[in-house]
Amino acid sequence: DIRHTQWGKELYKMRGQTIERVFADAKEKHGMRYTNLRGLRKVGHYLTLLFACMNLKKLALWKKRRGTFPPTVPALHSFFLKIFFAFNKKPLLGCIT
């Protein structure tokens, strides 16, 4: 009954812009059209990590737009560079070591 009210109709129009947008991005940008994993548990773990990353990205972009993103901490920057170079032999895009 709610969907037939004026409020319900307006809310339903917003659905394509908000809720379904997340799933469309996941399909197009993150390869969720199919999976190479087997088993519901493995797929569930993968999706949990994927959606957590998408939420963190959304939060970072939202905070950057509002200007509430904290300044970069040099200690963390060097820590992440060490981790990055531990997995990659060559620096990407001219990263400074």
Protein backbone atom coordinates (compact mmCIF):
# COMPACT_ATOMS: atom_id res chain seq x y z
CA ASP A 1 0.00 0.00 0.00
CA ILE A 2 2.89 2.37 0.72
CA ARG A 3 4.16 2.23 -2.87
CA HIS A 4 0.85 3.65 -4.12
CA THR A 5 1.11 6.79 -1.99
CA GLN A 6 2.77 9.95 -3.30
CA TRP A 7 5.71 9.47 -0.92
CA GLY A 8 6.14 5.86 -2.07
CA LYS A 9 6.16 6.84 -5.74
CA GLU A 10 8.81 9.50 -5.14
CA LEU A 11 10.90 7.07 -3.12
CA TYR A 12 10.67 4.43 -5.87
CA LYS A 13 11.94 6.95 -8.45
CA MET A 14 15.04 7.49 -6.31
CA ARG A 15 15.75 3.75 -6.16
CA GLY A 16 17.52 3.68 -9.51
CA GLN A 17 19.83 6.49 -8.45
CA THR A 18 20.77 5.15 -5.04
CA ILE A 19 20.35 1.45 -4.35
CA GLU A 20 20.61 -0.07 -7.80
CA ARG A 21 23.56 2.16 -8.61
CA VAL A 22 25.73 0.22 -6.14
CA PHE A 23 24.96 -3.09 -7.82
CA ALA A 24 25.48 -1.60 -11.29
CA ASP A 25 28.90 -0.29 -10.25
CA ALA A 26 29.78 -3.66 -8.76
CA LYS A 27 28.86 -5.43 -11.99
CA GLU A 28 30.56 -3.02 -14.38
CA LYS A 29 33.60 -1.83 -12.43
CA HIS A 30 34.41 -4.78 -10.18
CA GLY A 31 33.74 -7.82 -12.35
CA MET A 32 30.70 -9.19 -10.57
CA ARG A 33 29.02 -10.59 -13.66
CA TYR A 34 30.51 -13.98 -12.83
CA THR A 35 32.95 -15.55 -10.37
CA ASN A 36 35.80 -18.00 -10.57
CA LEU A 37 35.29 -19.03 -6.96
CA ARG A 38 33.52 -22.19 -5.88
CA GLY A 39 31.32 -22.45 -2.86
CA LEU A 40 28.95 -20.08 -1.18
CA ARG A 41 31.37 -19.39 1.68
CA LYS A 42 34.22 -18.30 -0.62
CA VAL A 43 31.95 -16.10 -2.69
CA GLY A 44 30.50 -14.60 0.50
CA HIS A 45 33.98 -13.74 1.79
CA TYR A 46 34.91 -12.18 -1.54
CA LEU A 47 31.74 -10.09 -1.65
CA THR A 48 32.24 -8.94 1.93
CA LEU A 49 35.71 -7.64 1.07
CA LEU A 50 34.53 -6.12 -2.19
CA PHE A 51 31.63 -4.22 -0.66
CA ALA A 52 33.80 -3.11 2.27
CA CYS A 53 36.27 -1.62 -0.22
CA MET A 54 33.45 0.05 -2.15
CA ASN A 55 32.08 1.53 1.09
CA LEU A 56 35.52 2.83 2.12
CA LYS A 57 35.97 4.42 -1.29
CA LYS A 58 32.53 6.03 -1.06
CA LEU A 59 33.32 7.32 2.44
CA ALA A 60 36.68 8.75 1.36
CA LEU A 61 35.12 10.55 -1.62
CA TRP A 62 32.30 11.87 0.56
CA LYS A 63 34.75 13.17 3.19
CA LYS A 64 36.95 14.73 0.53
CA ARG A 65 33.97 16.62 -0.96
CA ARG A 66 32.96 17.91 2.48
CA GLY A 67 36.52 18.87 3.34
CA THR A 68 36.61 16.70 6.46
CA PHE A 69 39.30 14.34 5.23
CA PRO A 70 42.17 14.30 7.76
CA PRO A 71 45.63 15.43 6.64
CA THR A 72 48.10 12.76 5.57
CA VAL A 73 50.21 11.36 8.38
CA PRO A 74 53.85 10.89 7.27
CA ALA A 75 54.37 7.83 9.47
CA LEU A 76 51.44 6.00 7.89
CA HIS A 77 52.55 7.06 4.42
CA SER A 78 55.98 5.45 4.86
CA PHE A 79 54.35 2.36 6.40
CA PHE A 80 52.07 1.89 3.39
CA LEU A 81 54.99 2.46 0.99
CA LYS A 82 56.93 -0.33 2.73
CA ILE A 83 53.98 -2.68 2.38
CA PHE A 84 53.46 -1.64 -1.24
CA PHE A 85 57.10 -2.25 -2.20
CA ALA A 86 57.17 -5.55 -0.34
CA PHE A 87 54.63 -6.91 -2.84
CA ASN A 88 55.78 -5.00 -5.94
CA LYS A 89 59.37 -5.10 -7.13
CA LYS A 90 59.13 -1.96 -9.28
CA PRO A 91 57.49 1.29 -8.19
CA LEU A 92 54.38 2.28 -10.09
CA LEU A 93 53.75 5.77 -11.45
CA GLY A 94 57.02 7.15 -10.13
CA CYS A 95 56.35 6.65 -6.41
CA ILE A 96 59.04 8.19 -4.21
CA THR A 97 60.75 5.72 -1.87
